[in-house]
Protein backbone atom coordinates (compact mmCIF):
# COMPACT_ATOMS: atom_id res chain seq x y z
CA UNK A 1 0.00 0.00 0.00
CA UNK A 2 1.22 3.45 -0.82
CA UNK A 3 -1.05 5.61 1.32
CA UNK A 4 -3.12 5.28 4.45
CA UNK A 5 -6.32 5.98 2.49
CA UNK A 6 -5.57 3.16 0.05
CA UNK A 7 -4.94 0.88 3.01
CA UNK A 8 -8.24 1.87 4.66
CA UNK A 9 -10.10 1.11 1.44
CA UNK A 10 -8.34 -2.26 1.10
CA UNK A 11 -9.02 -3.21 4.73
CA UNK A 12 -12.67 -2.11 4.53
CA UNK A 13 -13.08 -4.50 1.61
CA UNK A 14 -11.43 -7.28 3.63
CA UNK A 15 -13.70 -6.56 6.62
CA UNK A 16 -16.70 -6.66 4.28
CA UNK A 17 -15.56 -10.03 2.90
CA UNK A 18 -15.26 -11.53 6.39
CA UNK A 19 -18.45 -10.05 7.86
CA UNK A 20 -20.81 -9.53 4.94
CA UNK A 21 -21.65 -6.02 6.14
CA UNK A 22 -22.32 -3.51 3.38
CA UNK A 23 -19.54 -1.08 2.55
CA UNK A 24 -20.50 2.44 3.63
CA UNK A 25 -20.49 5.35 1.20
CA UNK A 26 -17.69 7.04 3.17
CA UNK A 27 -14.52 5.74 4.76
CA UNK A 28 -13.74 6.85 8.30
CA UNK A 29 -10.99 9.30 9.13
CA UNK A 30 -8.00 7.70 10.86
CA UNK A 31 -6.44 9.97 13.44
CA UNK A 32 -3.13 9.15 15.15
CA UNK A 33 -2.93 10.31 18.77
CA UNK A 34 -0.72 9.53 21.78
CA UNK A 35 -1.63 6.26 23.47
CA UNK A 36 -2.43 8.05 26.72
CA UNK A 37 -5.19 10.00 24.92
CA UNK A 38 -6.76 6.82 23.57
CA UNK A 39 -6.61 5.31 27.05
CA UNK A 40 -8.35 8.37 28.52
CA UNK A 41 -11.09 8.21 25.89
CA UNK A 42 -11.62 4.45 25.84
CA UNK A 43 -10.99 3.18 29.36
CA UNK A 44 -12.14 4.06 32.83
CA UNK A 45 -8.97 2.51 34.27
CA UNK A 46 -5.45 1.71 33.05
CA UNK A 47 -5.67 -0.52 29.98
CA UNK A 48 -3.75 -1.66 26.93
CA UNK A 49 -5.48 -0.05 24.00
CA UNK A 50 -3.92 0.73 20.64
CA UNK A 51 -7.01 1.69 18.68
CA UNK A 52 -10.48 2.96 19.44
CA UNK A 53 -13.62 3.59 17.48
CA UNK A 54 -16.17 5.60 19.50
CA UNK A 55 -18.82 5.58 16.74
CA UNK A 56 -19.06 8.38 14.26
CA UNK A 57 -16.55 8.99 11.51
CA UNK A 58 -13.15 8.81 13.26
CA UNK A 59 -10.94 5.90 14.27
CA UNK A 60 -8.18 6.71 16.75
CA UNK A 61 -4.88 4.84 16.57
CA UNK A 62 -1.84 4.98 18.81
CA UNK A 63 0.60 7.36 17.12
CA UNK A 64 3.39 4.80 17.50
CA UNK A 65 1.63 2.48 15.03
CA UNK A 66 2.47 2.38 11.33
CA UNK A 67 -0.26 0.38 9.59
CA UNK A 68 1.08 1.21 6.14
CA UNK A 69 4.33 -0.66 6.87
CA UNK A 70 3.50 -3.04 9.77
CA UNK A 71 1.13 -6.01 9.51
CA UNK A 72 0.31 -6.07 13.25
CA UNK A 73 -0.69 -2.40 13.11
CA UNK A 74 -2.79 -3.15 10.01
CA UNK A 75 -4.56 -5.83 12.06
CA UNK A 76 -5.42 -3.25 14.73
CA UNK A 77 -6.77 -0.87 12.09
CA UNK A 78 -8.78 -3.73 10.54
CA UNK A 79 -10.27 -4.49 13.98
CA UNK A 80 -11.45 -0.89 14.33
CA UNK A 81 -12.78 -0.89 10.76
CA UNK A 82 -14.91 -3.92 11.64
CA UNK A 83 -16.44 -1.79 14.41
CA UNK A 84 -17.07 0.95 11.84
CA UNK A 85 -18.92 -1.54 9.60
CA UNK A 86 -20.84 -2.91 12.58
CA UNK A 87 -22.11 0.57 13.40
CA UNK A 88 -23.03 1.25 9.77
CA UNK A 89 -24.96 -2.03 9.65
CA UNK A 90 -26.65 -1.55 13.02
CA UNK A 91 -25.23 -4.89 14.15
CA UNK A 92 -25.58 -6.17 17.72
CA UNK A 93 -27.98 -3.47 18.85
CA UNK A 94 -30.78 -5.62 20.20
CA UNK A 95 -29.17 -6.90 23.39
CA UNK A 96 -27.89 -5.26 26.56
CA UNK A 97 -25.06 -2.74 26.32
CA UNK A 98 -22.59 -5.24 27.77
CA UNK A 99 -23.70 -8.11 25.53
CA UNK A 100 -23.64 -5.70 22.56
CA UNK A 101 -20.02 -4.77 23.38
CA UNK A 102 -18.97 -8.41 23.88
CA UNK A 103 -20.50 -9.55 20.59
CA UNK A 104 -18.90 -6.67 18.69
CA UNK A 105 -15.47 -7.40 20.19
CA UNK A 106 -15.72 -11.13 19.55
CA UNK A 107 -16.48 -10.52 15.87
CA UNK A 108 -13.77 -7.86 15.45
CA UNK A 109 -11.11 -10.09 17.06
CA UNK A 110 -12.25 -13.05 14.95
CA UNK A 111 -11.82 -11.02 11.75
CA UNK A 112 -8.49 -9.60 12.93
CA UNK A 113 -7.17 -13.06 13.83
CA UNK A 114 -8.27 -14.71 10.60
CA UNK A 115 -6.88 -11.86 8.52
CA UNK A 116 -3.53 -11.91 10.34
CA UNK A 117 -3.29 -15.68 9.85
CA UNK A 118 -3.99 -15.26 6.14
CA UNK A 119 -1.15 -12.69 6.01
CA UNK A 120 1.21 -15.29 7.50
CA UNK A 121 1.52 -13.32 10.71
CA UNK A 122 2.25 -14.98 14.03
CA UNK A 123 1.22 -11.93 16.07
CA UNK A 124 -0.59 -13.02 19.24
CA UNK A 125 -3.85 -11.12 19.75
CA UNK A 126 -3.72 -11.83 23.49
CA UNK A 127 -0.04 -12.06 24.45
CA UNK A 128 0.84 -14.16 27.45
CA UNK A 129 -2.26 -16.30 27.09
CA UNK A 130 -4.47 -13.62 28.61
CA UNK A 131 -8.20 -14.09 28.70
CA UNK A 132 -10.09 -12.67 25.79
CA UNK A 133 -11.96 -9.52 26.86
CA UNK A 134 -15.46 -10.83 26.23
CA UNK A 135 -14.93 -13.92 28.44
CA UNK A 136 -15.08 -11.68 31.51
CA UNK A 137 -17.57 -9.20 30.08
CA UNK A 138 -21.14 -9.15 31.29
CA UNK A 139 -20.24 -11.28 34.29
CA UNK A 140 -22.37 -9.13 36.57
CA UNK A 141 -25.29 -9.43 34.13
CA UNK A 142 -25.08 -13.22 34.17
CA UNK A 143 -25.11 -13.23 37.96
CA UNK A 144 -28.16 -10.93 38.08
CA UNK A 145 -30.10 -13.06 35.57
CA UNK A 146 -29.64 -16.21 37.68
CA UNK A 147 -31.71 -14.73 40.51
C-alpha atoms as a PDB file:
ATOM      1  CA  UNK A   1       0.000   0.000   0.000  1.00  0.00           C
ATOM      2  CA  UNK A   2       1.218   3.453  -0.825  1.00  0.00           C
ATOM      3  CA  UNK A   3      -1.047   5.613   1.322  1.00  0.00           C
ATOM      4  CA  UNK A   4      -3.120   5.281   4.455  1.00  0.00           C
ATOM      5  CA  UNK A   5      -6.316   5.984   2.491  1.00  0.00           C
ATOM      6  CA  UNK A   6      -5.567   3.159   0.050  1.00  0.00           C
ATOM      7  CA  UNK A   7      -4.944   0.877   3.012  1.00  0.00           C
ATOM      8  CA  UNK A   8      -8.236   1.872   4.661  1.00  0.00           C
ATOM      9  CA  UNK A   9     -10.103   1.110   1.435  1.00  0.00           C
ATOM     10  CA  UNK A  10      -8.338  -2.257   1.097  1.00  0.00           C
ATOM     11  CA  UNK A  11      -9.019  -3.205   4.729  1.00  0.00           C
ATOM     12  CA  UNK A  12     -12.668  -2.114   4.529  1.00  0.00           C
ATOM     13  CA  UNK A  13     -13.082  -4.499   1.612  1.00  0.00           C
ATOM     14  CA  UNK A  14     -11.428  -7.280   3.634  1.00  0.00           C
ATOM     15  CA  UNK A  15     -13.701  -6.558   6.620  1.00  0.00           C
ATOM     16  CA  UNK A  16     -16.698  -6.658   4.282  1.00  0.00           C
ATOM     17  CA  UNK A  17     -15.559 -10.026   2.896  1.00  0.00           C
ATOM     18  CA  UNK A  18     -15.256 -11.527   6.391  1.00  0.00           C
ATOM     19  CA  UNK A  19     -18.453 -10.055   7.859  1.00  0.00           C
ATOM     20  CA  UNK A  20     -20.809  -9.531   4.945  1.00  0.00           C
ATOM     21  CA  UNK A  21     -21.653  -6.016   6.137  1.00  0.00           C
ATOM     22  CA  UNK A  22     -22.315  -3.509   3.378  1.00  0.00           C
ATOM     23  CA  UNK A  23     -19.542  -1.082   2.549  1.00  0.00           C
ATOM     24  CA  UNK A  24     -20.502   2.442   3.631  1.00  0.00           C
ATOM     25  CA  UNK A  25     -20.488   5.353   1.198  1.00  0.00           C
ATOM     26  CA  UNK A  26     -17.687   7.036   3.166  1.00  0.00           C
ATOM     27  CA  UNK A  27     -14.518   5.742   4.762  1.00  0.00           C
ATOM     28  CA  UNK A  28     -13.737   6.846   8.298  1.00  0.00           C
ATOM     29  CA  UNK A  29     -10.990   9.299   9.128  1.00  0.00           C
ATOM     30  CA  UNK A  30      -8.001   7.701  10.864  1.00  0.00           C
ATOM     31  CA  UNK A  31      -6.435   9.969  13.445  1.00  0.00           C
ATOM     32  CA  UNK A  32      -3.132   9.146  15.154  1.00  0.00           C
ATOM     33  CA  UNK A  33      -2.929  10.313  18.775  1.00  0.00           C
ATOM     34  CA  UNK A  34      -0.722   9.529  21.779  1.00  0.00           C
ATOM     35  CA  UNK A  35      -1.628   6.259  23.468  1.00  0.00           C
ATOM     36  CA  UNK A  36      -2.433   8.050  26.716  1.00  0.00           C
ATOM     37  CA  UNK A  37      -5.192   9.999  24.920  1.00  0.00           C
ATOM     38  CA  UNK A  38      -6.761   6.821  23.565  1.00  0.00           C
ATOM     39  CA  UNK A  39      -6.614   5.305  27.048  1.00  0.00           C
ATOM     40  CA  UNK A  40      -8.354   8.370  28.521  1.00  0.00           C
ATOM     41  CA  UNK A  41     -11.094   8.214  25.890  1.00  0.00           C
ATOM     42  CA  UNK A  42     -11.624   4.452  25.838  1.00  0.00           C
ATOM     43  CA  UNK A  43     -10.987   3.185  29.360  1.00  0.00           C
ATOM     44  CA  UNK A  44     -12.139   4.057  32.827  1.00  0.00           C
ATOM     45  CA  UNK A  45      -8.973   2.507  34.274  1.00  0.00           C
ATOM     46  CA  UNK A  46      -5.448   1.715  33.050  1.00  0.00           C
ATOM     47  CA  UNK A  47      -5.666  -0.520  29.983  1.00  0.00           C
ATOM     48  CA  UNK A  48      -3.750  -1.660  26.932  1.00  0.00           C
ATOM     49  CA  UNK A  49      -5.480  -0.045  24.002  1.00  0.00           C
ATOM     50  CA  UNK A  50      -3.924   0.729  20.636  1.00  0.00           C
ATOM     51  CA  UNK A  51      -7.006   1.690  18.677  1.00  0.00           C
ATOM     52  CA  UNK A  52     -10.477   2.963  19.443  1.00  0.00           C
ATOM     53  CA  UNK A  53     -13.618   3.593  17.480  1.00  0.00           C
ATOM     54  CA  UNK A  54     -16.175   5.598  19.499  1.00  0.00           C
ATOM     55  CA  UNK A  55     -18.822   5.577  16.741  1.00  0.00           C
ATOM     56  CA  UNK A  56     -19.064   8.380  14.264  1.00  0.00           C
ATOM     57  CA  UNK A  57     -16.554   8.988  11.509  1.00  0.00           C
ATOM     58  CA  UNK A  58     -13.153   8.805  13.264  1.00  0.00           C
ATOM     59  CA  UNK A  59     -10.943   5.897  14.265  1.00  0.00           C
ATOM     60  CA  UNK A  60      -8.183   6.715  16.753  1.00  0.00           C
ATOM     61  CA  UNK A  61      -4.880   4.838  16.570  1.00  0.00           C
ATOM     62  CA  UNK A  62      -1.843   4.976  18.808  1.00  0.00           C
ATOM     63  CA  UNK A  63       0.598   7.357  17.118  1.00  0.00           C
ATOM     64  CA  UNK A  64       3.395   4.799  17.502  1.00  0.00           C
ATOM     65  CA  UNK A  65       1.625   2.481  15.035  1.00  0.00           C
ATOM     66  CA  UNK A  66       2.470   2.379  11.334  1.00  0.00           C
ATOM     67  CA  UNK A  67      -0.262   0.385   9.590  1.00  0.00           C
ATOM     68  CA  UNK A  68       1.084   1.210   6.136  1.00  0.00           C
ATOM     69  CA  UNK A  69       4.334  -0.664   6.871  1.00  0.00           C
ATOM     70  CA  UNK A  70       3.499  -3.036   9.769  1.00  0.00           C
ATOM     71  CA  UNK A  71       1.128  -6.010   9.512  1.00  0.00           C
ATOM     72  CA  UNK A  72       0.307  -6.073  13.252  1.00  0.00           C
ATOM     73  CA  UNK A  73      -0.692  -2.401  13.106  1.00  0.00           C
ATOM     74  CA  UNK A  74      -2.793  -3.153  10.010  1.00  0.00           C
ATOM     75  CA  UNK A  75      -4.559  -5.828  12.061  1.00  0.00           C
ATOM     76  CA  UNK A  76      -5.423  -3.248  14.728  1.00  0.00           C
ATOM     77  CA  UNK A  77      -6.766  -0.874  12.088  1.00  0.00           C
ATOM     78  CA  UNK A  78      -8.783  -3.727  10.544  1.00  0.00           C
ATOM     79  CA  UNK A  79     -10.272  -4.492  13.976  1.00  0.00           C
ATOM     80  CA  UNK A  80     -11.451  -0.886  14.328  1.00  0.00           C
ATOM     81  CA  UNK A  81     -12.783  -0.890  10.759  1.00  0.00           C
ATOM     82  CA  UNK A  82     -14.915  -3.917  11.639  1.00  0.00           C
ATOM     83  CA  UNK A  83     -16.441  -1.792  14.406  1.00  0.00           C
ATOM     84  CA  UNK A  84     -17.072   0.951  11.837  1.00  0.00           C
ATOM     85  CA  UNK A  85     -18.924  -1.538   9.602  1.00  0.00           C
ATOM     86  CA  UNK A  86     -20.840  -2.908  12.584  1.00  0.00           C
ATOM     87  CA  UNK A  87     -22.105   0.566  13.395  1.00  0.00           C
ATOM     88  CA  UNK A  88     -23.028   1.251   9.766  1.00  0.00           C
ATOM     89  CA  UNK A  89     -24.963  -2.027   9.653  1.00  0.00           C
ATOM     90  CA  UNK A  90     -26.653  -1.549  13.018  1.00  0.00           C
ATOM     91  CA  UNK A  91     -25.232  -4.893  14.151  1.00  0.00           C
ATOM     92  CA  UNK A  92     -25.585  -6.171  17.719  1.00  0.00           C
ATOM     93  CA  UNK A  93     -27.982  -3.466  18.848  1.00  0.00           C
ATOM     94  CA  UNK A  94     -30.780  -5.622  20.203  1.00  0.00           C
ATOM     95  CA  UNK A  95     -29.171  -6.897  23.390  1.00  0.00           C
ATOM     96  CA  UNK A  96     -27.888  -5.260  26.560  1.00  0.00           C
ATOM     97  CA  UNK A  97     -25.057  -2.740  26.322  1.00  0.00           C
ATOM     98  CA  UNK A  98     -22.593  -5.239  27.768  1.00  0.00           C
ATOM     99  CA  UNK A  99     -23.696  -8.108  25.527  1.00  0.00           C
ATOM    100  CA  UNK A 100     -23.636  -5.704  22.559  1.00  0.00           C
ATOM    101  CA  UNK A 101     -20.020  -4.767  23.381  1.00  0.00           C
ATOM    102  CA  UNK A 102     -18.969  -8.405  23.884  1.00  0.00           C
ATOM    103  CA  UNK A 103     -20.499  -9.553  20.590  1.00  0.00           C
ATOM    104  CA  UNK A 104     -18.899  -6.665  18.690  1.00  0.00           C
ATOM    105  CA  UNK A 105     -15.470  -7.395  20.190  1.00  0.00           C
ATOM    106  CA  UNK A 106     -15.717 -11.125  19.553  1.00  0.00           C
ATOM    107  CA  UNK A 107     -16.479 -10.517  15.873  1.00  0.00           C
ATOM    108  CA  UNK A 108     -13.770  -7.856  15.449  1.00  0.00           C
ATOM    109  CA  UNK A 109     -11.115 -10.089  17.056  1.00  0.00           C
ATOM    110  CA  UNK A 110     -12.251 -13.049  14.951  1.00  0.00           C
ATOM    111  CA  UNK A 111     -11.824 -11.025  11.747  1.00  0.00           C
ATOM    112  CA  UNK A 112      -8.493  -9.604  12.928  1.00  0.00           C
ATOM    113  CA  UNK A 113      -7.169 -13.062  13.830  1.00  0.00           C
ATOM    114  CA  UNK A 114      -8.272 -14.708  10.596  1.00  0.00           C
ATOM    115  CA  UNK A 115      -6.883 -11.862   8.521  1.00  0.00           C
ATOM    116  CA  UNK A 116      -3.527 -11.908  10.336  1.00  0.00           C
ATOM    117  CA  UNK A 117      -3.288 -15.677   9.850  1.00  0.00           C
ATOM    118  CA  UNK A 118      -3.985 -15.261   6.139  1.00  0.00           C
ATOM    119  CA  UNK A 119      -1.155 -12.691   6.014  1.00  0.00           C
ATOM    120  CA  UNK A 120       1.215 -15.287   7.497  1.00  0.00           C
ATOM    121  CA  UNK A 121       1.521 -13.321  10.713  1.00  0.00           C
ATOM    122  CA  UNK A 122       2.248 -14.983  14.033  1.00  0.00           C
ATOM    123  CA  UNK A 123       1.219 -11.933  16.070  1.00  0.00           C
ATOM    124  CA  UNK A 124      -0.591 -13.017  19.237  1.00  0.00           C
ATOM    125  CA  UNK A 125      -3.846 -11.121  19.754  1.00  0.00           C
ATOM    126  CA  UNK A 126      -3.719 -11.828  23.485  1.00  0.00           C
ATOM    127  CA  UNK A 127      -0.036 -12.059  24.454  1.00  0.00           C
ATOM    128  CA  UNK A 128       0.840 -14.160  27.447  1.00  0.00           C
ATOM    129  CA  UNK A 129      -2.263 -16.299  27.087  1.00  0.00           C
ATOM    130  CA  UNK A 130      -4.473 -13.619  28.612  1.00  0.00           C
ATOM    131  CA  UNK A 131      -8.205 -14.093  28.697  1.00  0.00           C
ATOM    132  CA  UNK A 132     -10.090 -12.674  25.785  1.00  0.00           C
ATOM    133  CA  UNK A 133     -11.961  -9.519  26.857  1.00  0.00           C
ATOM    134  CA  UNK A 134     -15.460 -10.833  26.234  1.00  0.00           C
ATOM    135  CA  UNK A 135     -14.933 -13.920  28.438  1.00  0.00           C
ATOM    136  CA  UNK A 136     -15.080 -11.680  31.510  1.00  0.00           C
ATOM    137  CA  UNK A 137     -17.566  -9.203  30.080  1.00  0.00           C
ATOM    138  CA  UNK A 138     -21.137  -9.149  31.288  1.00  0.00           C
ATOM    139  CA  UNK A 139     -20.236 -11.281  34.294  1.00  0.00           C
ATOM    140  CA  UNK A 140     -22.375  -9.132  36.573  1.00  0.00           C
ATOM    141  CA  UNK A 141     -25.290  -9.428  34.127  1.00  0.00           C
ATOM    142  CA  UNK A 142     -25.079 -13.219  34.170  1.00  0.00           C
ATOM    143  CA  UNK A 143     -25.110 -13.226  37.965  1.00  0.00           C
ATOM    144  CA  UNK A 144     -28.163 -10.934  38.081  1.00  0.00           C
ATOM    145  CA  UNK A 145     -30.097 -13.059  35.567  1.00  0.00           C
ATOM    146  CA  UNK A 146     -29.642 -16.207  37.684  1.00  0.00           C
ATOM    147  CA  UNK A 147     -31.714 -14.733  40.514  1.00  0.00           C
END
